[in-house]
């Protein structure tokens, strides 16, 4: 992982959700030094997160494009490894001494 993100544990829920959307092929990114992320055709609500993912080396444009052009986004190898794509979901641990109910 990059210097921005040293481990998956440093990714917040919104960052992980954005990465899952990119992995599912639902995201686009503008060709720019400060790109905008789009998910399901709509601009992502948190461009600060989008830029952290970009500058952190976790997302990139899937193909070259003109300046400002919206192109498909893809995960980088470190992001794929961080998300452990293809791994079985981890079970949610029970609360200590709890009966598993909220």
Protein backbone atom coordinates (compact mmCIF):
# COMPACT_ATOMS: atom_id res chain seq x y z
CA UNK A 1 0.00 0.00 0.00
CA UNK A 2 1.06 3.61 -0.33
CA UNK A 3 2.33 6.05 2.24
CA UNK A 4 -1.21 7.50 2.42
CA UNK A 5 -2.67 4.13 3.42
CA UNK A 6 -0.45 1.70 5.28
CA UNK A 7 -3.11 -0.95 5.88
CA UNK A 8 -6.71 -1.82 5.13
CA UNK A 9 -7.51 -0.88 8.71
CA UNK A 10 -6.75 2.75 7.84
CA UNK A 11 -9.52 2.80 5.23
CA UNK A 12 -12.82 4.10 6.53
CA UNK A 13 -16.22 2.66 5.55
CA UNK A 14 -16.79 5.23 2.80
CA UNK A 15 -13.37 4.53 1.26
CA UNK A 16 -13.97 0.76 1.31
CA UNK A 17 -17.45 1.25 -0.20
CA UNK A 18 -16.01 3.39 -3.00
CA UNK A 19 -13.36 0.75 -3.69
CA UNK A 20 -16.04 -1.97 -3.84
CA UNK A 21 -17.99 0.14 -6.37
CA UNK A 22 -14.85 0.51 -8.49
CA UNK A 23 -14.20 -3.24 -8.24
CA UNK A 24 -17.77 -3.93 -9.39
CA UNK A 25 -17.26 -1.79 -12.51
CA UNK A 26 -19.71 0.88 -11.35
CA UNK A 27 -17.24 3.79 -11.24
CA UNK A 28 -15.71 6.31 -13.59
CA UNK A 29 -12.99 8.86 -13.00
CA UNK A 30 -12.08 12.09 -14.75
CA UNK A 31 -8.66 12.42 -16.35
CA UNK A 32 -7.05 15.10 -14.21
CA UNK A 33 -4.36 15.65 -11.61
CA UNK A 34 -7.23 16.03 -9.11
CA UNK A 35 -9.80 13.60 -10.57
CA UNK A 36 -13.48 13.40 -9.74
CA UNK A 37 -15.00 9.99 -9.03
CA UNK A 38 -18.42 9.00 -10.38
CA UNK A 39 -20.40 6.02 -9.10
CA UNK A 40 -23.43 4.72 -10.97
CA UNK A 41 -23.17 7.72 -13.30
CA UNK A 42 -23.43 10.28 -10.51
CA UNK A 43 -20.64 12.36 -9.02
CA UNK A 44 -19.41 10.76 -5.79
CA UNK A 45 -20.55 12.83 -2.80
CA UNK A 46 -17.12 12.91 -1.13
CA UNK A 47 -14.45 14.12 -3.53
CA UNK A 48 -11.93 14.38 -0.70
CA UNK A 49 -12.23 10.60 -0.29
CA UNK A 50 -11.96 10.13 -4.04
CA UNK A 51 -8.74 12.11 -4.13
CA UNK A 52 -7.32 10.23 -1.13
CA UNK A 53 -7.92 6.98 -3.01
CA UNK A 54 -6.32 8.44 -6.16
CA UNK A 55 -3.27 9.94 -4.45
CA UNK A 56 -3.01 6.86 -2.25
CA UNK A 57 -2.52 4.77 -5.37
CA UNK A 58 -5.66 2.67 -4.91
CA UNK A 59 -7.69 3.75 -7.97
CA UNK A 60 -6.70 4.81 -11.47
CA UNK A 61 -8.16 5.42 -14.90
CA UNK A 62 -8.71 2.13 -16.74
CA UNK A 63 -7.64 3.76 -20.01
CA UNK A 64 -6.10 7.02 -21.18
CA UNK A 65 -8.40 9.94 -21.96
CA UNK A 66 -8.45 13.61 -22.76
CA UNK A 67 -8.08 16.11 -19.93
CA UNK A 68 -11.39 16.20 -18.06
CA UNK A 69 -12.82 13.16 -19.86
CA UNK A 70 -14.74 10.63 -17.77
CA UNK A 71 -13.28 7.15 -18.23
CA UNK A 72 -13.83 3.85 -16.40
CA UNK A 73 -12.04 3.57 -13.06
CA UNK A 74 -10.20 0.49 -11.87
CA UNK A 75 -8.46 -0.69 -8.75
CA UNK A 76 -4.70 -0.89 -8.56
CA UNK A 77 -3.04 -4.10 -7.42
CA UNK A 78 -2.55 -2.83 -3.85
CA UNK A 79 -6.28 -2.03 -3.63
CA UNK A 80 -7.22 -5.50 -4.88
CA UNK A 81 -4.92 -7.01 -2.27
CA UNK A 82 -6.24 -4.70 0.44
CA UNK A 83 -9.85 -5.64 -0.25
CA UNK A 84 -8.96 -9.34 -0.49
CA UNK A 85 -11.27 -9.72 -3.45
CA UNK A 86 -12.60 -13.21 -3.80
CA UNK A 87 -12.07 -14.02 -0.14
CA UNK A 88 -14.99 -15.31 1.90
CA UNK A 89 -16.70 -12.63 3.96
CA UNK A 90 -15.50 -12.43 7.53
CA UNK A 91 -18.13 -13.22 10.15
CA UNK A 92 -19.27 -10.37 12.35
CA UNK A 93 -18.00 -11.09 15.87
CA UNK A 94 -20.51 -11.23 18.68
CA UNK A 95 -20.34 -8.65 21.41
CA UNK A 96 -18.48 -9.95 24.46
CA UNK A 97 -21.01 -11.58 26.77
CA UNK A 98 -23.81 -10.70 24.39
CA UNK A 99 -26.38 -12.89 22.78
CA UNK A 100 -25.62 -11.54 19.29
CA UNK A 101 -28.61 -9.20 19.28
CA UNK A 102 -28.40 -5.46 18.97
